[in-house]
Amino acid sequence: MRQILPPICLALPLVLAACVSPEALNPIADPRSQPFIATSDMPVPPNVERAASSDQCAGEPLRAIDANLPDYPARGWSRGLQGWSIVQFDVAQAGETENVTVARGVPGGSFDREARRAVEAWRFAPLSEGAHLVGCVVLFEFTQGEVRIR
């Protein structure tokens, strides 16, 4: 004869799990809290002008109000990966970035996503009446667990 477990026995593991913080269940949830250990060489950065010309992004000075660097991708950190991303964008008269695209990136993936997300959030001081900058370019280097802009 089969014995039926009382409902309290089925719910007990759920109740106990709710008493524990997520960090206690997975103490290495964010690998960036651990030291970065490179497992790959830094890919040679490209000739940026060849990958994405910034000739059109001229004539108006850009004064950053909010321009944070991207986060080092957790997945790249945990694997010890390094890379770079070239991001091209426009700046509207009000100072917001528009048409943000990754022109080229190595190894791509999460590095490109973090770079694009950061530039999409950038804000500049408003430009002159009717001004609009097109094709501005920035290169992010993800190396040794740090992000640099060039």
C-alpha atoms as a PDB file:
ATOM      1  CA  MET A   1       0.000   0.000   0.000  1.00  0.00           C
ATOM      2  CA  ARG A   2       1.259   3.479  -0.923  1.00  0.00           C
ATOM      3  CA  GLN A   3       1.643   5.982   1.768  1.00  0.00           C
ATOM      4  CA  ILE A   4       0.638   9.575   1.079  1.00  0.00           C
ATOM      5  CA  LEU A   5       2.917  12.260   2.521  1.00  0.00           C
ATOM      6  CA  PRO A   6       1.182  14.972   4.428  1.00  0.00           C
ATOM      7  CA  PRO A   7       1.209  18.374   2.664  1.00  0.00           C
ATOM      8  CA  ILE A   8       3.486  19.805   5.365  1.00  0.00           C
ATOM      9  CA  CYS A   9       6.279  17.421   4.298  1.00  0.00           C
ATOM     10  CA  LEU A  10       6.010  18.614   0.717  1.00  0.00           C
ATOM     11  CA  ALA A  11       6.050  22.285   1.674  1.00  0.00           C
ATOM     12  CA  LEU A  12       8.911  22.051   4.193  1.00  0.00           C
ATOM     13  CA  PRO A  13      11.747  22.309   1.622  1.00  0.00           C
ATOM     14  CA  LEU A  14      10.126  25.419   0.122  1.00  0.00           C
ATOM     15  CA  VAL A  15       9.776  27.050   3.524  1.00  0.00           C
ATOM     16  CA  LEU A  16      13.396  26.275   4.424  1.00  0.00           C
ATOM     17  CA  ALA A  17      14.658  27.576   1.070  1.00  0.00           C
ATOM     18  CA  ALA A  18      12.841  30.860   1.653  1.00  0.00           C
ATOM     19  CA  CYS A  19      14.781  31.328   4.906  1.00  0.00           C
ATOM     20  CA  VAL A  20      18.116  31.292   3.110  1.00  0.00           C
ATOM     21  CA  SER A  21      19.476  34.257   1.142  1.00  0.00           C
ATOM     22  CA  PRO A  22      20.295  33.698  -2.552  1.00  0.00           C
ATOM     23  CA  GLU A  23      23.950  34.507  -1.795  1.00  0.00           C
ATOM     24  CA  ALA A  24      24.095  31.631   0.699  1.00  0.00           C
ATOM     25  CA  LEU A  25      22.769  29.216  -1.917  1.00  0.00           C
ATOM     26  CA  ASN A  26      25.200  30.485  -4.584  1.00  0.00           C
ATOM     27  CA  PRO A  27      28.107  32.322  -2.955  1.00  0.00           C
ATOM     28  CA  ILE A  28      29.763  33.015  -6.344  1.00  0.00           C
ATOM     29  CA  ALA A  29      26.689  34.458  -8.071  1.00  0.00           C
ATOM     30  CA  ASP A  30      28.698  37.373  -9.494  1.00  0.00           C
ATOM     31  CA  PRO A  31      32.158  36.211 -10.583  1.00  0.00           C
ATOM     32  CA  ARG A  32      33.407  39.821 -10.599  1.00  0.00           C
ATOM     33  CA  SER A  33      33.756  39.584  -6.816  1.00  0.00           C
ATOM     34  CA  GLN A  34      36.642  37.148  -7.435  1.00  0.00           C
ATOM     35  CA  PRO A  35      40.070  38.112  -8.862  1.00  0.00           C
ATOM     36  CA  PHE A  36      40.255  38.257 -12.662  1.00  0.00           C
ATOM     37  CA  ILE A  37      42.462  35.529 -14.129  1.00  0.00           C
ATOM     38  CA  ALA A  38      43.161  35.995 -17.832  1.00  0.00           C
ATOM     39  CA  THR A  39      42.852  32.814 -19.900  1.00  0.00           C
ATOM     40  CA  SER A  40      43.172  34.577 -23.255  1.00  0.00           C
ATOM     41  CA  ASP A  41      45.480  37.167 -24.735  1.00  0.00           C
ATOM     42  CA  MET A  42      44.096  40.618 -25.397  1.00  0.00           C
ATOM     43  CA  PRO A  43      43.039  40.653 -29.072  1.00  0.00           C
ATOM     44  CA  VAL A  44      44.925  43.250 -31.073  1.00  0.00           C
ATOM     45  CA  PRO A  45      42.689  46.334 -31.374  1.00  0.00           C
ATOM     46  CA  PRO A  46      41.893  47.249 -34.976  1.00  0.00           C
ATOM     47  CA  ASN A  47      42.496  50.404 -36.905  1.00  0.00           C
ATOM     48  CA  VAL A  48      39.406  52.196 -35.626  1.00  0.00           C
ATOM     49  CA  GLU A  49      39.161  54.515 -38.638  1.00  0.00           C
ATOM     50  CA  ARG A  50      38.936  51.514 -40.948  1.00  0.00           C
ATOM     51  CA  ALA A  51      36.297  49.789 -38.826  1.00  0.00           C
ATOM     52  CA  ALA A  52      34.129  52.887 -38.270  1.00  0.00           C
ATOM     53  CA  SER A  53      35.079  56.296 -39.611  1.00  0.00           C
ATOM     54  CA  SER A  54      34.154  59.236 -37.386  1.00  0.00           C
ATOM     55  CA  ASP A  55      34.659  61.938 -40.049  1.00  0.00           C
ATOM     56  CA  GLN A  56      31.046  63.128 -39.758  1.00  0.00           C
ATOM     57  CA  CYS A  57      31.194  63.566 -35.976  1.00  0.00           C
ATOM     58  CA  ALA A  58      32.730  67.024 -36.097  1.00  0.00           C
ATOM     59  CA  GLY A  59      31.877  70.680 -35.760  1.00  0.00           C
ATOM     60  CA  GLU A  60      30.334  70.652 -32.312  1.00  0.00           C
ATOM     61  CA  PRO A  61      32.114  70.000 -28.989  1.00  0.00           C
ATOM     62  CA  LEU A  62      30.696  67.195 -26.847  1.00  0.00           C
ATOM     63  CA  ARG A  63      30.529  67.788 -23.097  1.00  0.00           C
ATOM     64  CA  ALA A  64      29.578  64.643 -21.224  1.00  0.00           C
ATOM     65  CA  ILE A  65      26.994  64.956 -18.465  1.00  0.00           C
ATOM     66  CA  ASP A  66      26.640  61.219 -17.853  1.00  0.00           C
ATOM     67  CA  ALA A  67      29.009  58.811 -19.602  1.00  0.00           C
ATOM     68  CA  ASN A  68      29.696  55.741 -17.487  1.00  0.00           C
ATOM     69  CA  LEU A  69      31.935  52.983 -18.765  1.00  0.00           C
ATOM     70  CA  PRO A  70      30.362  49.608 -19.475  1.00  0.00           C
ATOM     71  CA  ASP A  71      30.499  46.847 -16.876  1.00  0.00           C
ATOM     72  CA  TYR A  72      32.964  44.039 -17.493  1.00  0.00           C
ATOM     73  CA  PRO A  73      30.661  41.198 -18.566  1.00  0.00           C
ATOM     74  CA  ALA A  74      30.280  38.600 -15.797  1.00  0.00           C
ATOM     75  CA  ARG A  75      30.499  35.762 -18.313  1.00  0.00           C
ATOM     76  CA  GLY A  76      33.722  37.123 -19.818  1.00  0.00           C
ATOM     77  CA  TRP A  77      35.136  37.692 -16.331  1.00  0.00           C
ATOM     78  CA  SER A  78      34.412  34.142 -15.172  1.00  0.00           C
ATOM     79  CA  ARG A  79      36.050  32.743 -18.325  1.00  0.00           C
ATOM     80  CA  GLY A  80      39.048  35.111 -18.154  1.00  0.00           C
ATOM     81  CA  LEU A  81      38.244  36.590 -21.567  1.00  0.00           C
ATOM     82  CA  GLN A  82      39.480  39.914 -22.896  1.00  0.00           C
ATOM     83  CA  GLY A  83      38.357  41.900 -25.912  1.00  0.00           C
ATOM     84  CA  TRP A  84      37.227  45.186 -27.410  1.00  0.00           C
ATOM     85  CA  SER A  85      34.154  46.772 -28.962  1.00  0.00           C
ATOM     86  CA  ILE A  86      33.878  49.681 -31.391  1.00  0.00           C
ATOM     87  CA  VAL A  87      30.580  51.514 -30.917  1.00  0.00           C
ATOM     88  CA  GLN A  88      29.195  54.066 -33.376  1.00  0.00           C
ATOM     89  CA  PHE A  89      26.460  56.520 -32.384  1.00  0.00           C
ATOM     90  CA  ASP A  90      24.760  59.822 -33.176  1.00  0.00           C
ATOM     91  CA  VAL A  91      24.096  62.680 -30.760  1.00  0.00           C
ATOM     92  CA  ALA A  92      20.794  64.557 -30.990  1.00  0.00           C
ATOM     93  CA  GLN A  93      20.508  68.304 -30.379  1.00  0.00           C
ATOM     94  CA  ALA A  94      19.165  67.637 -26.856  1.00  0.00           C
ATOM     95  CA  GLY A  95      22.317  65.603 -25.990  1.00  0.00           C
ATOM     96  CA  GLU A  96      20.906  62.066 -26.105  1.00  0.00           C
ATOM     97  CA  THR A  97      22.620  59.301 -28.022  1.00  0.00           C
ATOM     98  CA  GLU A  98      20.764  57.728 -30.943  1.00  0.00           C
ATOM     99  CA  ASN A  99      21.340  54.959 -33.475  1.00  0.00           C
ATOM    100  CA  VAL A 100      23.839  53.161 -31.231  1.00  0.00           C
ATOM    101  CA  THR A 101      25.396  50.190 -33.027  1.00  0.00           C
ATOM    102  CA  VAL A 102      28.447  48.009 -32.580  1.00  0.00           C
ATOM    103  CA  ALA A 103      30.609  48.451 -35.667  1.00  0.00           C
ATOM    104  CA  ARG A 104      32.967  45.640 -34.703  1.00  0.00           C
ATOM    105  CA  GLY A 105      33.890  43.650 -31.621  1.00  0.00           C
ATOM    106  CA  VAL A 106      36.064  40.749 -30.492  1.00  0.00           C
ATOM    107  CA  PRO A 107      35.000  38.339 -29.069  1.00  0.00           C
ATOM    108  CA  GLY A 108      31.600  40.054 -29.406  1.00  0.00           C
ATOM    109  CA  GLY A 109      28.584  38.755 -27.519  1.00  0.00           C
ATOM    110  CA  SER A 110      28.370  40.062 -23.964  1.00  0.00           C
ATOM    111  CA  PHE A 111      31.225  42.536 -24.514  1.00  0.00           C
ATOM    112  CA  ASP A 112      29.305  44.189 -27.365  1.00  0.00           C
ATOM    113  CA  ARG A 113      26.025  44.155 -25.406  1.00  0.00           C
ATOM    114  CA  GLU A 114      27.622  45.893 -22.398  1.00  0.00           C
ATOM    115  CA  ALA A 115      29.345  48.476 -24.623  1.00  0.00           C
ATOM    116  CA  ARG A 116      26.144  49.270 -26.554  1.00  0.00           C
ATOM    117  CA  ARG A 117      24.074  49.475 -23.347  1.00  0.00           C
ATOM    118  CA  ALA A 118      26.549  51.942 -21.800  1.00  0.00           C
ATOM    119  CA  VAL A 119      26.583  54.269 -24.835  1.00  0.00           C
ATOM    120  CA  GLU A 120      22.778  54.175 -25.076  1.00  0.00           C
ATOM    121  CA  ALA A 121      22.682  55.642 -21.541  1.00  0.00           C
ATOM    122  CA  TRP A 122      25.218  58.419 -22.231  1.00  0.00           C
ATOM    123  CA  ARG A 123      24.004  62.031 -22.056  1.00  0.00           C
ATOM    124  CA  PHE A 124      25.782  65.151 -23.294  1.00  0.00           C
ATOM    125  CA  ALA A 125      25.165  68.852 -22.813  1.00  0.00           C
ATOM    126  CA  PRO A 126      22.676  70.120 -25.436  1.00  0.00           C
ATOM    127  CA  LEU A 127      24.199  71.014 -28.787  1.00  0.00           C
ATOM    128  CA  SER A 128      23.709  74.294 -30.645  1.00  0.00           C
ATOM    129  CA  GLU A 129      20.286  74.957 -32.158  1.00  0.00           C
ATOM    130  CA  GLY A 130      19.725  72.549 -35.049  1.00  0.00           C
ATOM    131  CA  ALA A 131      23.009  70.668 -34.502  1.00  0.00           C
ATOM    132  CA  HIS A 132      23.080  66.878 -34.787  1.00  0.00           C
ATOM    133  CA  LEU A 133      26.270  64.788 -34.750  1.00  0.00           C
ATOM    134  CA  VAL A 134      26.343  61.630 -36.838  1.00  0.00           C
ATOM    135  CA  GLY A 135      28.795  58.718 -36.776  1.00  0.00           C
ATOM    136  CA  CYS A 136      30.633  59.366 -33.509  1.00  0.00           C
ATOM    137  CA  VAL A 137      32.910  56.463 -32.560  1.00  0.00           C
ATOM    138  CA  VAL A 138      34.327  55.069 -29.325  1.00  0.00           C
ATOM    139  CA  LEU A 139      36.530  52.019 -28.682  1.00  0.00           C
ATOM    140  CA  PHE A 140      36.170  50.127 -25.399  1.00  0.00           C
ATOM    141  CA  GLU A 141      38.947  47.773 -24.318  1.00  0.00           C
ATOM    142  CA  PHE A 142      38.006  44.999 -21.884  1.00  0.00           C
ATOM    143  CA  THR A 143      41.339  43.882 -20.488  1.00  0.00           C
ATOM    144  CA  GLN A 144      42.589  42.349 -17.236  1.00  0.00           C
ATOM    145  CA  GLY A 145      39.159  42.784 -15.659  1.00  0.00           C
ATOM    146  CA  GLU A 146      39.016  46.524 -16.391  1.00  0.00           C
ATOM    147  CA  VAL A 147      37.312  48.613 -19.050  1.00  0.00           C
ATOM    148  CA  ARG A 148      39.180  51.428 -20.782  1.00  0.00           C
ATOM    149  CA  ILE A 149      38.028  53.891 -23.385  1.00  0.00           C
ATOM    150  CA  ARG A 150      40.174  54.877 -26.326  1.00  0.00           C
END
